[in-house]
Every structure is written in structure tokens, then in C-alpha cells.
Amino acid sequence: MSVASAAPTQQNPLQGMTIMASAMIILPTMDAIAKYMASFEGMSPGQVTFYRFFFQIVCMLPLLVTVSGRAAFSAKRPWLNLLRGALHGAASLLFFAAIKYMPLADVFAIYFVEPFMLAALSALFLGDRVGWRRWLAIVVGFGGAMIVIQPSFEIFGLKALLPVACAFLFALYLFMNRAVGEADSPLTMQIMAGVGGTLFMTFALLAGSSAGIADFEPSLPVSGLGLVLLLILGSISGYAHMLVVRAFRLAPLSLLAPFQYFEIISATILGYAIFGDFPNLSKWIGIAIIVGSGLFIIWRERVQSRSAKSA
């Protein structure tokens, strides 16, 4: 089946898990590049975020035109897709700002309160049933995040809360994915998200630089390596997230969600290899609590789904 097809995809859980695992291992490379650009190329997080979405469009357009032609530009739900891209742009901005100041593994660990936020939002606004066990897991998971945040807060101040705000915006972005559904192909969705993110970051850069905020300072790459890295950043952001969309069409959410934690492994390796950062014992304890609580919530979701089907 063509990736441009908007028809429902036949389930293939094993293929979906393989695709999801691959995407989760690759994605932290994008964040390592963003941190490198901020640390060694002197580029502001706002400018890096703009290039992330701009080059996502540039790098994906050839495939889009080849596979779908003009039809790919006629999204069935354009405004929802653009809003989805704007939310993703805002979340990425906060994440890239956080990794400028904090170690990659720390930011990822705090960011993984997102599944807890998503579960809470689903219960509050969509009427999803969340029993006391999962509410307890949400509280414990936030406690694990506090173990990671506390020493980071002492060092970085309010910047340590940036991953929490990013997690909330990304949870809203996932709500938008549910709203868009399968009306448009993964490729079209990524192009539209790139357009939405680029437009959002254009306004954010103009507003931030006008206000004199350093993290929004506009700039061009200062080296050939910087330009190459930004092109790689755009390619990864587009194609890896397209893999995630594809994976969720091949396998259920409850089966794929645990693979999100693979990002911590890649982030820790990259953070240590490139920047010399490695979590201390207390942070590993916090990470373990967050991951354990998240996996428990996913397990309870699967139990509830099986009970509902057998009822």
C-alpha cells in the first residue's frame, strides 16, 4: 500500500513495533544536533527550531511530489494539521531551549511525564476511565520527575521546568493526532505539520527577537558543518516522525507506547559521547520511577481494554 493512501491500514503489530523502536532510537539524534548547534555553533534555540521545521519541508517535498503529486497538497483537514504543527513547534521550542542548558538524559527523563499528562487529560476531557491504580501511578510518576527536577532546579532554576511545559504541549499535540485520524496520509500530515511549525516559529522569532530575548536571536549557520547538520535535523524530524505515524497505524497505542522509553537510552549515550553528560545515581532512581510508573499505566490500559472486549 502506498504511504499516500488515506485508507485504513491493516494491522501488523510486529512491523509496527519494529518501526516504532527504530524511530525512538533515531529521534534523540535530532535533539543532540539541536544541542550541538546551541553549544558549539552559537545558534539560538528559537532559530534551531525554525530550521527544524523549515528543512523538514525541504527534505520531504521531493518524496511527497514523487509519491502523491499535487494531490498531496490538498489535505482533507488542513486547519487541524496546521494547528497540530503549531503545537509541535511550540513543544519543540521548549525542548530545544531546555537541552541548551541541561543534559539530554535529564530533559528526556522530565519530559516523560507526558504519558501521565495524557492519561489525566483523557480522563478529564474525554471521559476515559482511569482507576485509582493508574491515578496512583500518575502521582508516583510525577514524584519520580521531581527527583530528577530537584537538583536540576537548584542549578538551572525555572529552566528545569521547560521539559514539563513541553510535555504538556506534546500531550495536546497527541490529542490533535487523534482528531486528525487517518483522513490524511502520514506524508501529508508531516508536510502540513512542517508548514504549521514553520509559520509558528516565524512569528515566535519575530516577537522574541523584537523583545530582545537571546533564545530567539535570528542567525544563519556559521559553518558548512552547521548547514549539513541542520539538513540532517530536518530529515530526521520529518521521516522519523512519519515512521511514528506509520507505526501507530500498524499496531495499537498500548503496544507501542513502551517503546517511547528507548529514547532515554539513545539520549544518555549521545549525551555522554558528545557532551560528557551522564546522570548520577539519584537521577537514575528518578528515571526508573518514571519509566516504571509509565509502564504500569500502559499495562493497566491493556488490562482495561481486554476486559472491555470480553464484557
Protein backbone atom coordinates (compact mmCIF):
# COMPACT_ATOMS: atom_id res chain seq x y z
CA MET A 1 0.00 0.00 0.00
CA SER A 2 1.28 3.46 -0.88
CA VAL A 3 2.18 5.75 2.03
CA ALA A 4 -0.07 8.31 0.42
CA SER A 5 -3.16 6.20 0.86
CA ALA A 6 -5.62 7.53 3.40
CA ALA A 7 -7.48 4.25 3.62
CA PRO A 8 -7.36 2.35 6.93
CA THR A 9 -4.14 0.34 7.27
CA GLN A 10 -4.22 -3.38 8.02
CA GLN A 11 -2.81 -4.09 11.47
CA ASN A 12 0.66 -5.66 11.66
CA PRO A 13 1.80 -5.40 15.32
CA LEU A 14 5.29 -6.87 14.81
CA GLN A 15 6.07 -4.47 11.96
CA GLY A 16 4.61 -1.59 13.97
CA MET A 17 6.80 -2.38 16.98
CA THR A 18 9.91 -2.66 14.80
CA ILE A 19 9.20 0.69 13.15
CA MET A 20 8.45 2.36 16.48
CA ALA A 21 11.62 1.04 18.13
CA SER A 22 13.73 2.23 15.19
CA ALA A 23 12.18 5.70 15.29
CA MET A 24 12.70 6.05 19.04
CA ILE A 25 16.39 5.15 18.74
CA ILE A 26 16.89 7.64 15.88
CA LEU A 27 14.93 10.63 17.22
CA PRO A 28 17.34 11.67 20.02
CA THR A 29 19.96 12.27 17.30
CA MET A 30 17.83 15.25 16.29
CA ASP A 31 17.98 16.64 19.83
CA ALA A 32 21.73 16.05 20.06
CA ILE A 33 22.14 18.10 16.87
CA ALA A 34 19.99 20.89 18.35
CA LYS A 35 22.13 20.93 21.50
CA TYR A 36 25.31 20.93 19.40
CA MET A 37 24.08 23.90 17.34
CA ALA A 38 23.32 25.84 20.53
CA SER A 39 26.51 24.84 22.36
CA PHE A 40 29.14 24.95 19.60
CA GLU A 41 27.60 26.93 16.73
CA GLY A 42 26.08 29.67 18.90
CA MET A 43 22.60 29.33 17.36
CA SER A 44 19.59 30.24 19.48
CA PRO A 45 17.01 27.52 20.31
CA GLY A 46 14.34 29.55 18.52
CA GLN A 47 16.37 29.65 15.31
CA VAL A 48 17.21 25.93 15.54
CA THR A 49 13.51 25.14 15.96
CA PHE A 50 12.65 27.23 12.90
CA TYR A 51 15.21 25.36 10.80
CA ARG A 52 13.97 22.05 12.18
CA PHE A 53 10.53 22.60 10.61
CA PHE A 54 11.70 24.54 7.55
CA PHE A 55 14.18 21.85 6.50
CA GLN A 56 11.57 19.20 7.33
CA ILE A 57 9.51 20.66 4.47
CA VAL A 58 12.53 20.97 2.17
CA CYS A 59 13.72 17.42 2.78
CA MET A 60 10.28 15.80 2.45
CA LEU A 61 8.93 17.69 -0.57
CA PRO A 62 10.73 15.54 -3.18
CA LEU A 63 9.24 12.33 -1.77
CA LEU A 64 5.84 13.95 -1.39
CA VAL A 65 5.73 15.08 -5.02
CA THR A 66 7.09 11.76 -6.28
CA VAL A 67 4.60 9.63 -4.37
CA SER A 68 1.47 11.75 -4.42
CA GLY A 69 1.87 14.58 -6.91
CA ARG A 70 -0.38 17.60 -6.47
CA ALA A 71 -2.95 15.57 -4.55
CA ALA A 72 -0.63 15.50 -1.53
CA PHE A 73 -1.07 19.26 -1.05
CA SER A 74 -4.86 19.03 -0.70
CA ALA A 75 -5.14 17.92 2.91
CA LYS A 76 -8.66 16.95 3.97
CA ARG A 77 -8.22 18.61 7.37
CA PRO A 78 -5.72 21.43 6.69
CA TRP A 79 -6.50 23.65 9.69
CA LEU A 80 -6.29 20.80 12.18
CA ASN A 81 -2.99 19.74 10.64
CA LEU A 82 -1.64 23.31 10.79
CA LEU A 83 -2.69 23.62 14.43
CA ARG A 84 -1.06 20.26 15.09
CA GLY A 85 2.15 21.63 13.57
CA ALA A 86 1.97 24.83 15.64
CA LEU A 87 1.60 22.80 18.85
CA HIS A 88 4.53 20.63 17.81
CA GLY A 89 6.51 23.79 17.05
CA ALA A 90 5.85 25.25 20.49
CA ALA A 91 6.72 21.94 22.20
CA SER A 92 9.94 21.62 20.16
CA LEU A 93 10.93 25.20 21.03
CA LEU A 94 10.63 24.48 24.76
CA PHE A 95 12.51 21.18 24.38
CA PHE A 96 15.38 22.73 22.41
CA ALA A 97 15.60 25.58 24.92
CA ALA A 98 15.80 23.02 27.74
CA ILE A 99 18.58 20.95 26.15
CA LYS A 100 20.64 24.10 25.58
CA TYR A 101 21.00 24.43 29.35
CA MET A 102 20.50 20.87 30.66
CA PRO A 103 21.89 17.38 29.93
CA LEU A 104 19.96 15.42 27.27
CA ALA A 105 19.09 12.50 29.57
CA ASP A 106 17.75 14.85 32.28
CA VAL A 107 15.48 16.64 29.80
CA PHE A 108 14.16 13.36 28.40
CA ALA A 109 13.53 11.97 31.89
CA ILE A 110 11.49 15.01 32.93
CA TYR A 111 9.74 15.13 29.56
CA PHE A 112 8.43 11.60 30.10
CA VAL A 113 5.77 12.90 32.46
CA GLU A 114 3.89 13.35 29.14
CA PRO A 115 2.15 9.91 29.31
CA PHE A 116 0.86 10.82 32.77
CA MET A 117 -0.46 14.15 31.49
CA LEU A 118 -2.08 12.41 28.53
CA ALA A 119 -3.79 9.90 30.80
CA ALA A 120 -5.03 12.68 33.09
CA LEU A 121 -6.28 14.80 30.16
CA SER A 122 -8.04 11.79 28.65
CA ALA A 123 -9.81 11.19 31.95
CA LEU A 124 -10.79 14.82 32.46
CA PHE A 125 -11.85 15.80 28.93
CA LEU A 126 -12.58 12.59 27.01
CA GLY A 127 -14.24 10.64 29.79
CA ASP A 128 -11.68 7.80 29.63
CA ARG A 129 -11.87 5.56 32.65
CA VAL A 130 -8.80 5.93 34.88
CA GLY A 131 -8.99 3.86 38.06
CA TRP A 132 -7.28 4.54 41.35
CA ARG A 133 -4.29 2.38 40.44
CA ARG A 134 -3.49 4.49 37.40
CA TRP A 135 -4.08 7.75 39.30
CA LEU A 136 -1.62 6.46 41.90
CA ALA A 137 0.88 5.61 39.14
CA ILE A 138 0.47 9.16 37.76
CA VAL A 139 1.25 10.64 41.19
CA VAL A 140 4.25 8.31 41.67
CA GLY A 141 5.49 9.15 38.17
CA PHE A 142 5.38 12.86 38.93
CA GLY A 143 7.26 12.08 42.14
CA GLY A 144 9.99 10.43 40.07
CA ALA A 145 10.11 13.53 37.89
CA MET A 146 10.59 15.67 41.00
CA ILE A 147 13.65 13.57 41.92
CA VAL A 148 15.18 14.49 38.56
CA ILE A 149 13.94 18.09 38.59
CA GLN A 150 15.03 18.98 42.15
CA PRO A 151 18.83 19.05 41.63
CA SER A 152 18.35 20.47 38.12
CA PHE A 153 16.16 23.23 39.57
CA GLU A 154 18.90 24.18 42.04
CA ILE A 155 21.38 24.51 39.14
CA PHE A 156 19.22 25.84 36.30
CA GLY A 157 16.29 27.50 38.11
CA LEU A 158 12.97 27.78 36.27
CA LYS A 159 14.60 26.42 33.08
CA ALA A 160 14.34 22.98 34.69
CA LEU A 161 10.56 23.22 34.26
CA LEU A 162 10.78 23.72 30.47
CA PRO A 163 10.52 19.94 29.78
CA VAL A 164 7.31 19.83 31.87
CA ALA A 165 5.72 22.57 29.76
CA CYS A 166 6.98 20.80 26.63
CA ALA A 167 5.36 17.54 27.80
CA PHE A 168 2.01 19.30 28.29
CA LEU A 169 2.08 20.82 24.79
CA PHE A 170 3.09 17.49 23.28
CA ALA A 171 0.18 15.80 25.06
CA LEU A 172 -2.11 18.34 23.36
CA TYR A 173 -0.37 17.55 20.06
CA LEU A 174 -1.22 13.86 20.55
CA PHE A 175 -4.84 14.89 21.10
CA MET A 176 -4.69 16.59 17.73
CA ASN A 177 -3.34 13.39 16.15
CA ARG A 178 -6.46 11.65 17.41
CA ALA A 179 -8.63 14.43 15.94
CA VAL A 180 -6.94 14.26 12.53
CA GLY A 181 -7.09 10.46 12.50
CA GLU A 182 -6.49 8.79 9.13
CA ALA A 183 -8.12 11.47 6.98
CA ASP A 184 -4.70 12.33 5.54
CA SER A 185 -1.62 10.23 4.77
CA PRO A 186 1.40 10.26 7.13
CA LEU A 187 3.43 12.07 4.47
CA THR A 188 0.83 14.81 4.00
CA MET A 189 0.45 15.15 7.77
CA GLN A 190 4.20 15.68 8.18
CA ILE A 191 4.35 18.28 5.41
CA MET A 192 1.41 20.16 6.94
CA ALA A 193 3.00 19.89 10.39
CA GLY A 194 6.18 21.33 8.91
CA VAL A 195 4.24 24.26 7.45
CA GLY A 196 2.40 24.85 10.74
CA GLY A 197 5.61 24.65 12.77
CA THR A 198 7.48 26.95 10.37
CA LEU A 199 4.72 29.58 10.46
CA PHE A 200 4.53 29.41 14.25
CA MET A 201 8.31 29.75 14.62
CA THR A 202 8.43 32.64 12.14
CA PHE A 203 6.08 34.65 14.36
CA ALA A 204 7.85 33.45 17.52
CA LEU A 205 11.25 34.52 16.18
CA LEU A 206 9.94 37.94 15.15
CA ALA A 207 8.27 38.51 18.52
CA GLY A 208 11.13 37.11 20.60
CA SER A 209 13.92 38.95 18.77
CA SER A 210 11.92 42.21 18.88
CA ALA A 211 11.67 41.78 22.65
CA GLY A 212 15.43 41.25 22.85
CA ILE A 213 15.24 37.65 24.12
CA ALA A 214 18.57 35.91 23.43
CA ASP A 215 17.00 32.49 22.88
CA PHE A 216 15.12 33.90 19.86
CA GLU A 217 18.08 35.61 18.20
CA PRO A 218 17.88 35.02 14.39
CA SER A 219 21.02 33.79 12.64
CA LEU A 220 22.38 31.79 9.72
CA PRO A 221 24.64 28.71 10.03
CA VAL A 222 28.22 29.87 10.62
CA SER A 223 29.86 26.82 9.05
CA GLY A 224 29.33 24.22 6.35
CA LEU A 225 29.05 21.57 9.07
CA GLY A 226 26.26 23.58 10.71
CA LEU A 227 24.28 23.68 7.46
CA VAL A 228 24.74 19.94 6.93
CA LEU A 229 23.61 19.23 10.49
CA LEU A 230 20.50 21.37 10.03
CA LEU A 231 19.63 19.43 6.86
CA ILE A 232 20.06 16.18 8.79
CA LEU A 233 17.93 17.66 11.59
CA GLY A 234 15.11 18.40 9.13
CA SER A 235 15.36 14.96 7.53
CA ILE A 236 15.22 13.15 10.87
CA SER A 237 12.36 15.29 12.18
CA GLY A 238 10.28 14.61 9.09
CA TYR A 239 10.96 10.99 8.28
CA ALA A 240 11.33 9.65 11.83
CA HIS A 241 8.02 11.21 12.91
CA MET A 242 6.43 9.82 9.76
CA LEU A 243 7.63 6.41 10.93
CA VAL A 244 5.87 7.02 14.26
CA VAL A 245 2.61 7.88 12.48
CA ARG A 246 3.02 4.74 10.36
CA ALA A 247 3.71 2.60 13.43
CA PHE A 248 0.52 3.78 15.15
CA ARG A 249 -1.46 2.70 12.09
CA LEU A 250 0.05 -0.79 12.23
CA ALA A 251 -0.25 -1.51 15.95
CA PRO A 252 -2.35 -0.30 18.92
CA LEU A 253 -1.17 2.55 21.15
CA SER A 254 -0.92 0.34 24.25
CA LEU A 255 1.51 -1.97 22.45
CA LEU A 256 3.73 0.80 21.08
CA ALA A 257 3.80 3.24 24.00
CA PRO A 258 6.56 1.42 25.99
CA PHE A 259 8.97 1.90 23.09
CA GLN A 260 8.98 5.65 23.79
CA TYR A 261 11.38 4.95 26.65
CA PHE A 262 14.02 3.78 24.18
CA GLU A 263 14.71 7.50 23.70
CA ILE A 264 16.29 7.69 27.16
CA ILE A 265 18.85 5.06 26.12
CA SER A 266 19.87 6.91 22.97
CA ALA A 267 19.82 10.28 24.73
CA THR A 268 22.09 9.01 27.52
CA ILE A 269 24.58 7.52 25.04
CA LEU A 270 24.66 10.65 22.86
CA GLY A 271 24.81 12.99 25.84
CA TYR A 272 27.81 11.15 27.27
CA ALA A 273 29.62 10.64 23.94
CA ILE A 274 29.25 14.22 22.66
CA PHE A 275 28.80 16.43 25.73
CA GLY A 276 30.24 14.32 28.57
CA ASP A 277 26.93 14.30 30.49
CA PHE A 278 25.85 11.24 32.46
CA PRO A 279 23.03 11.01 35.04
CA ASN A 280 24.05 10.46 38.66
CA LEU A 281 22.52 7.81 40.93
CA SER A 282 19.60 9.93 42.19
CA LYS A 283 18.61 10.82 38.65
CA TRP A 284 18.72 7.17 37.60
CA ILE A 285 16.37 6.41 40.50
CA GLY A 286 14.01 9.13 39.29
CA ILE A 287 14.21 7.82 35.71
CA ALA A 288 13.45 4.28 36.92
CA ILE A 289 10.39 5.51 38.85
CA ILE A 290 9.11 7.48 35.83
CA VAL A 291 9.59 4.55 33.44
CA GLY A 292 8.11 2.04 35.89
CA SER A 293 5.03 4.19 36.51
CA GLY A 294 4.58 4.78 32.79
CA LEU A 295 4.81 1.07 32.01
CA PHE A 296 2.28 0.34 34.77
CA ILE A 297 -0.19 2.82 33.26
CA ILE A 298 0.27 1.19 29.84
CA TRP A 299 -0.23 -2.28 31.35
CA ARG A 300 -3.42 -1.18 33.13
CA GLU A 301 -4.68 0.30 29.84
CA ARG A 302 -4.20 -3.07 28.14
CA VAL A 303 -5.96 -4.86 31.01
CA GLN A 304 -8.91 -2.46 30.78
CA SER A 305 -9.10 -2.87 27.00
CA ARG A 306 -9.16 -6.66 27.26
CA SER A 307 -11.84 -6.51 29.98
CA ALA A 308 -13.99 -4.20 27.83
CA LYS A 309 -13.69 -6.54 24.82
CA SER A 310 -14.57 -9.64 26.83
CA ALA A 311 -17.54 -7.96 28.53
